[in-house]
Amino acid sequence: MIVSRARHGARHQRGVTLVELIISIVIIAIAMTAVLNAFSLSVSKSADPLWRNKSLKLAQLYLDEILAKNYDHATPLGGTPPVSSPACGSLGSETGETRATYNDVDDYNGISDNPPVSLIGALDATYAPYTVAVTVTCDGSRVGASGNNHAKKIMVTISPPAQAPVVFSAYKGNY
């Protein structure tokens, strides 16, 4: 009988106590809160690369179009020789000009497109909520040109939906 008592003596309790269970729940809750906050932050920023990429593409589209034009009405084919007395008095398109007939960079001054368009027509519908504004100014003194009228600064402002506007700029020299 002694042998059977040793074998079947006091049994050890298995499981956890209520206190251990509550402590485990609290620790897991704190860890889950931290993980979900990090996940929430990353999800809220997941669209940033999309609108930044679209803004960059729009700016490139407009700047490529504008920079392909002559510096001034008097600029000869090929750009040389430079115009001796370029005018910066009236920036903007001349009466009767349309975007399809713009022939120099300052014709684009004051463009405000919502939705944005290219020379060949409307863009993809996903660009519809974007706004594009173009400003052209004479700014040759800032870039070391021989006179303020010898360089034009082209600023393209892209306003993505529910985001701050992004400004892209380039210079066109008198050549």
N, C-alpha and C. Protein backbone atom coordinates (compact mmCIF):
# COMPACT_ATOMS: atom_id res chain seq x y z
N MET A 1 0.79 -1.19 0.00
CA MET A 1 0.00 0.00 0.00
C MET A 1 0.84 1.27 0.00
N ILE A 2 1.93 1.19 0.54
CA ILE A 2 2.80 2.36 0.55
C ILE A 2 3.17 2.74 -0.89
N VAL A 3 3.40 1.75 -1.70
CA VAL A 3 3.79 2.01 -3.09
C VAL A 3 2.67 2.71 -3.83
N SER A 4 1.44 2.28 -3.65
CA SER A 4 0.34 2.87 -4.39
C SER A 4 0.07 4.30 -3.92
N ARG A 5 0.30 4.56 -2.65
CA ARG A 5 0.11 5.90 -2.13
C ARG A 5 1.13 6.87 -2.73
N ALA A 6 2.34 6.44 -2.91
CA ALA A 6 3.37 7.30 -3.49
C ALA A 6 3.04 7.60 -4.95
N ARG A 7 2.49 6.59 -5.61
CA ARG A 7 2.14 6.79 -7.01
C ARG A 7 0.93 7.67 -7.16
N HIS A 8 -0.04 7.52 -6.33
CA HIS A 8 -1.29 8.26 -6.48
C HIS A 8 -1.42 9.34 -5.42
N GLY A 9 -0.33 9.80 -4.88
CA GLY A 9 -0.35 10.79 -3.81
C GLY A 9 -0.91 12.12 -4.30
N ALA A 10 -0.39 13.21 -3.84
CA ALA A 10 -0.87 14.55 -4.16
C ALA A 10 -0.67 14.85 -5.64
N ARG A 11 -1.73 15.22 -6.27
CA ARG A 11 -1.66 15.58 -7.69
C ARG A 11 -1.35 17.07 -7.82
N HIS A 12 -0.53 17.39 -8.84
CA HIS A 12 -0.20 18.80 -9.08
C HIS A 12 -1.30 19.43 -9.92
N GLN A 13 -1.67 20.65 -9.57
CA GLN A 13 -2.69 21.38 -10.29
C GLN A 13 -2.09 21.93 -11.58
N ARG A 14 -2.83 21.83 -12.68
CA ARG A 14 -2.36 22.35 -13.95
C ARG A 14 -3.25 23.52 -14.34
N GLY A 15 -2.66 24.54 -15.11
CA GLY A 15 -3.42 25.70 -15.54
C GLY A 15 -2.83 26.96 -14.96
N VAL A 16 -3.58 28.05 -15.06
CA VAL A 16 -3.11 29.34 -14.56
C VAL A 16 -4.11 29.88 -13.57
N THR A 17 -3.63 30.75 -12.73
CA THR A 17 -4.53 31.37 -11.77
C THR A 17 -5.22 32.56 -12.43
N LEU A 18 -6.21 33.07 -11.80
CA LEU A 18 -6.95 34.22 -12.32
C LEU A 18 -6.05 35.45 -12.43
N VAL A 19 -5.18 35.67 -11.49
CA VAL A 19 -4.25 36.80 -11.50
C VAL A 19 -3.32 36.70 -12.71
N GLU A 20 -2.77 35.51 -12.95
CA GLU A 20 -1.89 35.32 -14.10
C GLU A 20 -2.64 35.58 -15.41
N LEU A 21 -3.86 35.16 -15.48
CA LEU A 21 -4.67 35.36 -16.68
C LEU A 21 -4.93 36.84 -16.93
N ILE A 22 -5.25 37.59 -15.89
CA ILE A 22 -5.50 39.03 -16.04
C ILE A 22 -4.23 39.76 -16.46
N ILE A 23 -3.10 39.43 -15.86
CA ILE A 23 -1.83 40.05 -16.24
C ILE A 23 -1.51 39.76 -17.70
N SER A 24 -1.74 38.55 -18.15
CA SER A 24 -1.48 38.19 -19.55
C SER A 24 -2.38 38.98 -20.49
N ILE A 25 -3.64 39.14 -20.14
CA ILE A 25 -4.56 39.90 -20.97
C ILE A 25 -4.13 41.36 -21.08
N VAL A 26 -3.71 41.95 -19.98
CA VAL A 26 -3.25 43.35 -19.97
C VAL A 26 -2.02 43.51 -20.86
N ILE A 27 -1.06 42.61 -20.75
CA ILE A 27 0.17 42.68 -21.55
C ILE A 27 -0.15 42.54 -23.04
N ILE A 28 -1.02 41.60 -23.38
CA ILE A 28 -1.40 41.41 -24.78
C ILE A 28 -2.15 42.64 -25.31
N ALA A 29 -3.02 43.22 -24.47
CA ALA A 29 -3.77 44.42 -24.89
C ALA A 29 -2.82 45.58 -25.17
N ILE A 30 -1.83 45.78 -24.35
CA ILE A 30 -0.86 46.86 -24.56
C ILE A 30 -0.07 46.62 -25.85
N ALA A 31 0.36 45.39 -26.06
CA ALA A 31 1.12 45.05 -27.28
C ALA A 31 0.25 45.24 -28.52
N MET A 32 -0.99 44.82 -28.47
CA MET A 32 -1.88 44.97 -29.63
C MET A 32 -2.17 46.43 -29.93
N THR A 33 -2.31 47.25 -28.91
CA THR A 33 -2.54 48.67 -29.11
C THR A 33 -1.36 49.30 -29.85
N ALA A 34 -0.16 48.97 -29.45
CA ALA A 34 1.03 49.51 -30.12
C ALA A 34 1.11 49.04 -31.57
N VAL A 35 0.85 47.77 -31.81
CA VAL A 35 0.90 47.23 -33.17
C VAL A 35 -0.17 47.86 -34.05
N LEU A 36 -1.38 48.00 -33.55
CA LEU A 36 -2.47 48.58 -34.34
C LEU A 36 -2.23 50.07 -34.61
N ASN A 37 -1.66 50.79 -33.66
CA ASN A 37 -1.32 52.20 -33.91
C ASN A 37 -0.29 52.32 -35.02
N ALA A 38 0.72 51.49 -35.00
CA ALA A 38 1.75 51.51 -36.06
C ALA A 38 1.14 51.15 -37.40
N PHE A 39 0.28 50.16 -37.43
CA PHE A 39 -0.39 49.75 -38.66
C PHE A 39 -1.29 50.86 -39.19
N SER A 40 -2.03 51.50 -38.30
CA SER A 40 -2.93 52.59 -38.69
C SER A 40 -2.15 53.73 -39.31
N LEU A 41 -1.02 54.09 -38.74
CA LEU A 41 -0.19 55.17 -39.27
C LEU A 41 0.33 54.82 -40.66
N SER A 42 0.76 53.59 -40.86
CA SER A 42 1.29 53.21 -42.17
C SER A 42 0.19 53.15 -43.22
N VAL A 43 -1.00 52.75 -42.85
CA VAL A 43 -2.12 52.71 -43.80
C VAL A 43 -2.53 54.12 -44.18
N SER A 44 -2.53 55.05 -43.23
CA SER A 44 -2.94 56.42 -43.54
C SER A 44 -1.96 57.10 -44.49
N LYS A 45 -0.72 56.69 -44.52
CA LYS A 45 0.29 57.27 -45.40
C LYS A 45 0.48 56.48 -46.69
N SER A 46 -0.29 55.44 -46.91
CA SER A 46 -0.07 54.58 -48.07
C SER A 46 -0.41 55.26 -49.38
N ALA A 47 -1.24 56.29 -49.39
CA ALA A 47 -1.60 56.99 -50.63
C ALA A 47 -0.59 58.07 -50.99
N ASP A 48 0.28 58.46 -50.08
CA ASP A 48 1.26 59.52 -50.35
C ASP A 48 2.09 59.26 -51.60
N PRO A 49 2.69 58.10 -51.77
CA PRO A 49 3.47 57.89 -52.99
C PRO A 49 2.64 57.99 -54.27
N LEU A 50 1.38 57.64 -54.20
CA LEU A 50 0.51 57.71 -55.38
C LEU A 50 0.30 59.16 -55.81
N TRP A 51 -0.16 60.03 -54.89
CA TRP A 51 -0.42 61.40 -55.29
C TRP A 51 0.88 62.15 -55.60
N ARG A 52 1.97 61.80 -54.93
CA ARG A 52 3.25 62.44 -55.25
C ARG A 52 3.71 62.07 -56.66
N ASN A 53 3.54 60.82 -57.02
CA ASN A 53 3.93 60.36 -58.35
C ASN A 53 3.06 61.02 -59.42
N LYS A 54 1.77 61.12 -59.17
CA LYS A 54 0.87 61.77 -60.13
C LYS A 54 1.20 63.26 -60.24
N SER A 55 1.53 63.91 -59.13
CA SER A 55 1.91 65.32 -59.17
C SER A 55 3.17 65.52 -59.99
N LEU A 56 4.13 64.65 -59.79
CA LEU A 56 5.38 64.72 -60.54
C LEU A 56 5.14 64.53 -62.04
N LYS A 57 4.30 63.57 -62.39
CA LYS A 57 4.00 63.32 -63.81
C LYS A 57 3.31 64.53 -64.44
N LEU A 58 2.36 65.14 -63.72
CA LEU A 58 1.69 66.32 -64.24
C LEU A 58 2.66 67.48 -64.44
N ALA A 59 3.50 67.71 -63.45
CA ALA A 59 4.48 68.79 -63.56
C ALA A 59 5.42 68.55 -64.74
N GLN A 60 5.85 67.32 -64.91
CA GLN A 60 6.75 66.99 -66.03
C GLN A 60 6.04 67.21 -67.36
N LEU A 61 4.78 66.83 -67.45
CA LEU A 61 4.00 67.02 -68.68
C LEU A 61 3.95 68.50 -69.05
N TYR A 62 3.60 69.34 -68.08
CA TYR A 62 3.48 70.77 -68.35
C TYR A 62 4.84 71.41 -68.61
N LEU A 63 5.84 71.09 -67.80
CA LEU A 63 7.16 71.70 -68.01
C LEU A 63 7.77 71.29 -69.34
N ASP A 64 7.61 70.04 -69.74
CA ASP A 64 8.13 69.60 -71.04
C ASP A 64 7.47 70.39 -72.17
N GLU A 65 6.17 70.56 -72.08
CA GLU A 65 5.44 71.32 -73.10
C GLU A 65 5.92 72.76 -73.16
N ILE A 66 6.04 73.39 -72.01
CA ILE A 66 6.42 74.81 -71.96
C ILE A 66 7.87 75.02 -72.40
N LEU A 67 8.78 74.20 -71.89
CA LEU A 67 10.19 74.38 -72.21
C LEU A 67 10.51 74.06 -73.67
N ALA A 68 9.62 73.39 -74.37
CA ALA A 68 9.83 73.11 -75.78
C ALA A 68 9.55 74.33 -76.65
N LYS A 69 8.93 75.35 -76.09
CA LYS A 69 8.59 76.57 -76.84
C LYS A 69 9.78 77.54 -76.86
N ASN A 70 9.71 78.51 -77.77
CA ASN A 70 10.74 79.54 -77.87
C ASN A 70 10.74 80.42 -76.62
N TYR A 71 11.86 81.08 -76.40
CA TYR A 71 11.97 81.99 -75.26
C TYR A 71 11.06 83.20 -75.46
N ASP A 72 11.05 83.74 -76.67
CA ASP A 72 10.37 84.99 -76.97
C ASP A 72 9.77 84.90 -78.38
N HIS A 73 8.86 85.81 -78.72
CA HIS A 73 8.32 85.83 -80.08
C HIS A 73 9.41 86.05 -81.12
N ALA A 74 10.40 86.83 -80.75
CA ALA A 74 11.47 87.17 -81.70
C ALA A 74 12.59 86.13 -81.74
N THR A 75 12.52 85.10 -80.93
CA THR A 75 13.57 84.07 -80.91
C THR A 75 13.56 83.33 -82.25
N PRO A 76 14.72 83.27 -82.93
CA PRO A 76 14.76 82.57 -84.22
C PRO A 76 14.72 81.04 -84.03
N LEU A 77 14.44 80.35 -85.10
CA LEU A 77 14.41 78.90 -85.09
C LEU A 77 15.77 78.39 -84.63
N GLY A 78 15.80 77.51 -83.67
CA GLY A 78 17.05 76.98 -83.13
C GLY A 78 17.54 77.75 -81.91
N GLY A 79 16.99 78.95 -81.69
CA GLY A 79 17.31 79.71 -80.49
C GLY A 79 18.52 80.61 -80.56
N THR A 80 19.27 80.57 -81.64
CA THR A 80 20.44 81.45 -81.73
C THR A 80 20.35 82.27 -83.01
N PRO A 81 20.81 83.45 -83.02
CA PRO A 81 21.37 84.20 -81.90
C PRO A 81 20.28 84.61 -80.91
N PRO A 82 20.66 84.87 -79.66
CA PRO A 82 19.65 85.28 -78.68
C PRO A 82 19.02 86.62 -79.06
N VAL A 83 17.82 86.82 -78.59
CA VAL A 83 17.12 88.08 -78.82
C VAL A 83 17.86 89.17 -78.05
N SER A 84 18.21 90.26 -78.74
CA SER A 84 19.01 91.30 -78.09
C SER A 84 18.22 92.07 -77.04
N SER A 85 16.94 92.30 -77.28
CA SER A 85 16.12 93.04 -76.32
C SER A 85 14.82 92.28 -76.06
N PRO A 86 14.87 91.20 -75.29
CA PRO A 86 13.64 90.46 -75.03
C PRO A 86 12.69 91.27 -74.17
N ALA A 87 11.41 91.12 -74.43
CA ALA A 87 10.40 91.87 -73.69
C ALA A 87 9.82 91.04 -72.56
N CYS A 88 9.65 91.68 -71.43
CA CYS A 88 8.99 91.02 -70.30
C CYS A 88 7.85 91.86 -69.77
N GLY A 89 7.41 92.82 -70.56
CA GLY A 89 6.36 93.72 -70.10
C GLY A 89 5.01 93.05 -70.00
N SER A 90 4.64 92.30 -71.01
CA SER A 90 3.31 91.68 -70.99
C SER A 90 3.46 90.17 -71.13
N LEU A 91 3.44 89.50 -69.99
CA LEU A 91 3.52 88.04 -69.99
C LEU A 91 2.12 87.47 -70.10
N GLY A 92 1.97 86.46 -70.89
CA GLY A 92 0.67 85.83 -71.10
C GLY A 92 0.41 85.68 -72.58
N SER A 93 -0.68 85.03 -72.90
CA SER A 93 -0.98 84.78 -74.31
C SER A 93 -1.50 86.05 -74.98
N GLU A 94 -1.27 86.12 -76.27
CA GLU A 94 -1.76 87.25 -77.04
C GLU A 94 -3.22 87.00 -77.43
N THR A 95 -3.90 88.03 -77.80
CA THR A 95 -5.31 87.92 -78.17
C THR A 95 -5.48 86.92 -79.30
N GLY A 96 -6.40 86.01 -79.12
CA GLY A 96 -6.70 85.02 -80.14
C GLY A 96 -5.87 83.74 -80.05
N GLU A 97 -4.83 83.73 -79.22
CA GLU A 97 -4.03 82.53 -79.09
C GLU A 97 -4.73 81.51 -78.20
N THR A 98 -4.58 80.28 -78.55
CA THR A 98 -5.05 79.18 -77.71
C THR A 98 -3.84 78.36 -77.33
N ARG A 99 -4.05 77.45 -76.44
CA ARG A 99 -2.92 76.63 -75.99
C ARG A 99 -2.27 75.88 -77.15
N ALA A 100 -3.04 75.49 -78.10
CA ALA A 100 -2.50 74.79 -79.27
C ALA A 100 -1.62 75.69 -80.13
N THR A 101 -1.81 77.01 -80.04
CA THR A 101 -1.02 77.93 -80.86
C THR A 101 0.01 78.73 -80.06
N TYR A 102 0.17 78.44 -78.78
CA TYR A 102 1.21 79.13 -78.00
C TYR A 102 2.56 78.89 -78.66
N ASN A 103 3.36 79.96 -78.76
CA ASN A 103 4.65 79.82 -79.42
C ASN A 103 5.84 80.24 -78.57
N ASP A 104 5.61 80.76 -77.39
CA ASP A 104 6.72 81.07 -76.49
C ASP A 104 6.31 80.81 -75.05
N VAL A 105 7.32 80.75 -74.16
CA VAL A 105 7.05 80.31 -72.79
C VAL A 105 6.13 81.23 -72.01
N ASP A 106 6.18 82.53 -72.26
CA ASP A 106 5.34 83.42 -71.45
C ASP A 106 3.87 83.35 -71.82
N ASP A 107 3.53 82.70 -72.95
CA ASP A 107 2.12 82.51 -73.29
C ASP A 107 1.41 81.67 -72.23
N TYR A 108 2.14 80.85 -71.52
CA TYR A 108 1.55 79.95 -70.52
C TYR A 108 1.27 80.63 -69.19
N ASN A 109 1.72 81.87 -69.03
CA ASN A 109 1.50 82.57 -67.77
C ASN A 109 0.00 82.71 -67.50
N GLY A 110 -0.41 82.29 -66.34
CA GLY A 110 -1.80 82.41 -65.92
C GLY A 110 -2.67 81.21 -66.20
N ILE A 111 -2.11 80.15 -66.77
CA ILE A 111 -2.92 78.95 -67.01
C ILE A 111 -3.36 78.37 -65.66
N SER A 112 -4.63 77.98 -65.61
CA SER A 112 -5.16 77.28 -64.44
C SER A 112 -6.09 76.21 -64.96
N ASP A 113 -5.64 74.97 -64.91
CA ASP A 113 -6.41 73.85 -65.45
C ASP A 113 -6.95 72.97 -64.34
N ASN A 114 -8.26 72.79 -64.34
CA ASN A 114 -8.91 71.85 -63.43
C ASN A 114 -10.09 71.25 -64.18
N PRO A 115 -10.01 70.06 -64.65
CA PRO A 115 -8.92 69.08 -64.55
C PRO A 115 -7.79 69.41 -65.52
N PRO A 116 -6.60 68.87 -65.24
CA PRO A 116 -5.46 69.10 -66.13
C PRO A 116 -5.70 68.49 -67.51
N VAL A 117 -5.13 69.13 -68.52
CA VAL A 117 -5.22 68.62 -69.89
C VAL A 117 -3.85 68.70 -70.54
N SER A 118 -3.65 67.88 -71.54
CA SER A 118 -2.42 67.96 -72.32
C SER A 118 -2.78 68.56 -73.67
N LEU A 119 -1.79 68.77 -74.51
CA LEU A 119 -2.06 69.31 -75.84
C LEU A 119 -2.92 68.38 -76.68
N ILE A 120 -2.87 67.10 -76.38
CA ILE A 120 -3.65 66.15 -77.18
C ILE A 120 -5.00 65.83 -76.54
N GLY A 121 -5.34 66.50 -75.46
CA GLY A 121 -6.66 66.31 -74.88
C GLY A 121 -6.65 65.95 -73.41
N ALA A 122 -7.77 65.38 -72.99
CA ALA A 122 -7.96 65.06 -71.58
C ALA A 122 -7.02 63.94 -71.13
N LEU A 123 -6.69 63.98 -69.87
CA LEU A 123 -5.85 62.94 -69.26
C LEU A 123 -6.74 61.87 -68.65
N ASP A 124 -6.10 60.86 -68.11
CA ASP A 124 -6.78 59.79 -67.39
C ASP A 124 -7.71 60.40 -66.34
N ALA A 125 -8.86 59.79 -66.12
CA ALA A 125 -9.85 60.31 -65.18
C ALA A 125 -9.33 60.42 -63.75
N THR A 126 -8.28 59.69 -63.41
CA THR A 126 -7.74 59.78 -62.05
C THR A 126 -7.06 61.12 -61.79
N TYR A 127 -6.78 61.89 -62.84
CA TYR A 127 -6.18 63.22 -62.67
C TYR A 127 -7.24 64.31 -62.52
N ALA A 128 -8.50 63.98 -62.65
CA ALA A 128 -9.58 64.97 -62.60
C ALA A 128 -9.58 65.83 -61.33
N PRO A 129 -9.30 65.30 -60.14
CA PRO A 129 -9.35 66.16 -58.95
C PRO A 129 -8.10 67.04 -58.76
N TYR A 130 -7.12 66.94 -59.64
CA TYR A 130 -5.90 67.75 -59.54
C TYR A 130 -6.11 69.09 -60.23
N THR A 131 -5.41 70.11 -59.72
CA THR A 131 -5.42 71.44 -60.33
C THR A 131 -3.99 71.82 -60.68
N VAL A 132 -3.81 72.42 -61.85
CA VAL A 132 -2.50 72.86 -62.30
C VAL A 132 -2.56 74.36 -62.58
N ALA A 133 -1.62 75.10 -62.02
CA ALA A 133 -1.52 76.53 -62.27
C ALA A 133 -0.09 76.84 -62.73
N VAL A 134 0.04 77.71 -63.73
CA VAL A 134 1.35 78.05 -64.28
C VAL A 134 1.57 79.55 -64.13
N THR A 135 2.77 79.90 -63.67
CA THR A 135 3.18 81.29 -63.55
C THR A 135 4.54 81.43 -64.22
N VAL A 136 4.68 82.46 -65.07
CA VAL A 136 5.95 82.74 -65.74
C VAL A 136 6.36 84.15 -65.36
N THR A 137 7.59 84.29 -64.90
CA THR A 137 8.11 85.61 -64.53
C THR A 137 9.51 85.79 -65.12
N CYS A 138 9.89 87.04 -65.35
CA CYS A 138 11.26 87.34 -65.76
C CYS A 138 12.11 87.35 -64.51
N ASP A 139 13.17 86.56 -64.51
CA ASP A 139 13.96 86.39 -63.29
C ASP A 139 15.43 86.14 -63.62
N GLY A 140 15.93 86.83 -64.63
CA GLY A 140 17.31 86.61 -65.06
C GLY A 140 18.35 87.02 -64.04
N SER A 141 18.05 88.04 -63.23
CA SER A 141 19.04 88.50 -62.24
C SER A 141 19.31 87.43 -61.18
N ARG A 142 18.35 86.58 -60.91
CA ARG A 142 18.54 85.54 -59.90
C ARG A 142 19.49 84.44 -60.38
N VAL A 143 19.54 84.22 -61.68
CA VAL A 143 20.38 83.13 -62.20
C VAL A 143 21.63 83.64 -62.89
N GLY A 144 21.93 84.91 -62.74
CA GLY A 144 23.18 85.45 -63.29
C GLY A 144 23.15 85.76 -64.77
N ALA A 145 21.95 85.94 -65.34
CA ALA A 145 21.86 86.32 -66.75
C ALA A 145 22.29 87.77 -66.91
N SER A 146 22.58 88.17 -68.15
CA SER A 146 23.08 89.53 -68.40
C SER A 146 22.03 90.60 -68.10
N GLY A 147 20.81 90.23 -67.92
CA GLY A 147 19.74 91.16 -67.56
C GLY A 147 18.53 90.38 -67.08
N ASN A 148 17.65 91.05 -66.36
CA ASN A 148 16.48 90.35 -65.81
C ASN A 148 15.60 89.77 -66.91
N ASN A 149 15.59 90.39 -68.08
CA ASN A 149 14.75 89.93 -69.18
C ASN A 149 15.34 88.73 -69.93
N HIS A 150 16.52 88.27 -69.56
CA HIS A 150 17.19 87.21 -70.31
C HIS A 150 16.99 85.80 -69.74
N ALA A 151 16.12 85.65 -68.74
CA ALA A 151 15.75 84.33 -68.23
C ALA A 151 14.34 84.41 -67.65
N LYS A 152 13.56 83.40 -67.94
CA LYS A 152 12.18 83.35 -67.42
C LYS A 152 12.05 82.14 -66.51
N LYS A 153 11.45 82.40 -65.37
CA LYS A 153 11.19 81.34 -64.40
C LYS A 153 9.77 80.83 -64.62
N ILE A 154 9.67 79.53 -64.82
CA ILE A 154 8.37 78.88 -65.03
C ILE A 154 8.05 78.08 -63.78
N MET A 155 6.95 78.44 -63.12
CA MET A 155 6.52 77.72 -61.92
C MET A 155 5.20 77.01 -62.22
N VAL A 156 5.21 75.71 -62.00
CA VAL A 156 4.02 74.89 -62.18
C VAL A 156 3.59 74.42 -60.79
N THR A 157 2.41 74.83 -60.38
CA THR A 157 1.88 74.46 -59.07
C THR A 157 0.83 73.38 -59.26
N ILE A 158 1.08 72.23 -58.65
CA ILE A 158 0.15 71.10 -58.72
C ILE A 158 -0.56 71.01 -57.37
N SER A 159 -1.88 71.00 -57.41
CA SER A 159 -2.67 70.87 -56.18
C SER A 159 -3.38 69.52 -56.21
N PRO A 160 -2.81 68.52 -55.48
CA PRO A 160 -3.47 67.21 -55.41
C PRO A 160 -4.69 67.30 -54.50
N PRO A 161 -5.63 66.38 -54.65
CA PRO A 161 -6.82 66.41 -53.79
C PRO A 161 -6.47 66.21 -52.32
N ALA A 162 -6.97 67.10 -51.48
CA ALA A 162 -6.81 67.02 -50.01
C ALA A 162 -5.35 67.03 -49.58
N GLN A 163 -4.49 67.66 -50.37
CA GLN A 163 -3.06 67.77 -50.02
C GLN A 163 -2.61 69.20 -50.26
N ALA A 164 -1.47 69.55 -49.70
CA ALA A 164 -0.91 70.88 -49.92
C ALA A 164 -0.37 70.97 -51.34
N PRO A 165 -0.46 72.15 -51.96
CA PRO A 165 0.08 72.31 -53.32
C PRO A 165 1.60 72.09 -53.35
N VAL A 166 2.06 71.57 -54.49
CA VAL A 166 3.48 71.31 -54.70
C VAL A 166 3.93 72.17 -55.88
N VAL A 167 5.02 72.91 -55.70
CA VAL A 167 5.50 73.81 -56.75
C VAL A 167 6.76 73.23 -57.40
N PHE A 168 6.75 73.18 -58.72
CA PHE A 168 7.90 72.75 -59.51
C PHE A 168 8.31 73.96 -60.35
N SER A 169 9.60 74.17 -60.53
CA SER A 169 10.02 75.32 -61.34
C SER A 169 11.22 74.97 -62.21
N ALA A 170 11.34 75.74 -63.28
CA ALA A 170 12.45 75.60 -64.21
C ALA A 170 12.70 76.97 -64.82
N TYR A 171 13.88 77.14 -65.38
CA TYR A 171 14.23 78.39 -66.04
C TYR A 171 14.41 78.14 -67.53
N LYS A 172 14.00 79.11 -68.32
CA LYS A 172 14.24 79.08 -69.77
C LYS A 172 15.08 80.31 -70.06
N GLY A 173 16.24 80.08 -70.65
CA GLY A 173 17.15 81.18 -70.97
C GLY A 173 16.93 81.70 -72.37
N ASN A 174 17.41 82.90 -72.60
CA ASN A 174 17.30 83.57 -73.89
C ASN A 174 18.40 83.04 -74.80
N TYR A 175 18.13 81.94 -75.46
CA TYR A 175 19.07 81.39 -76.42
C TYR A 175 18.32 80.59 -77.45
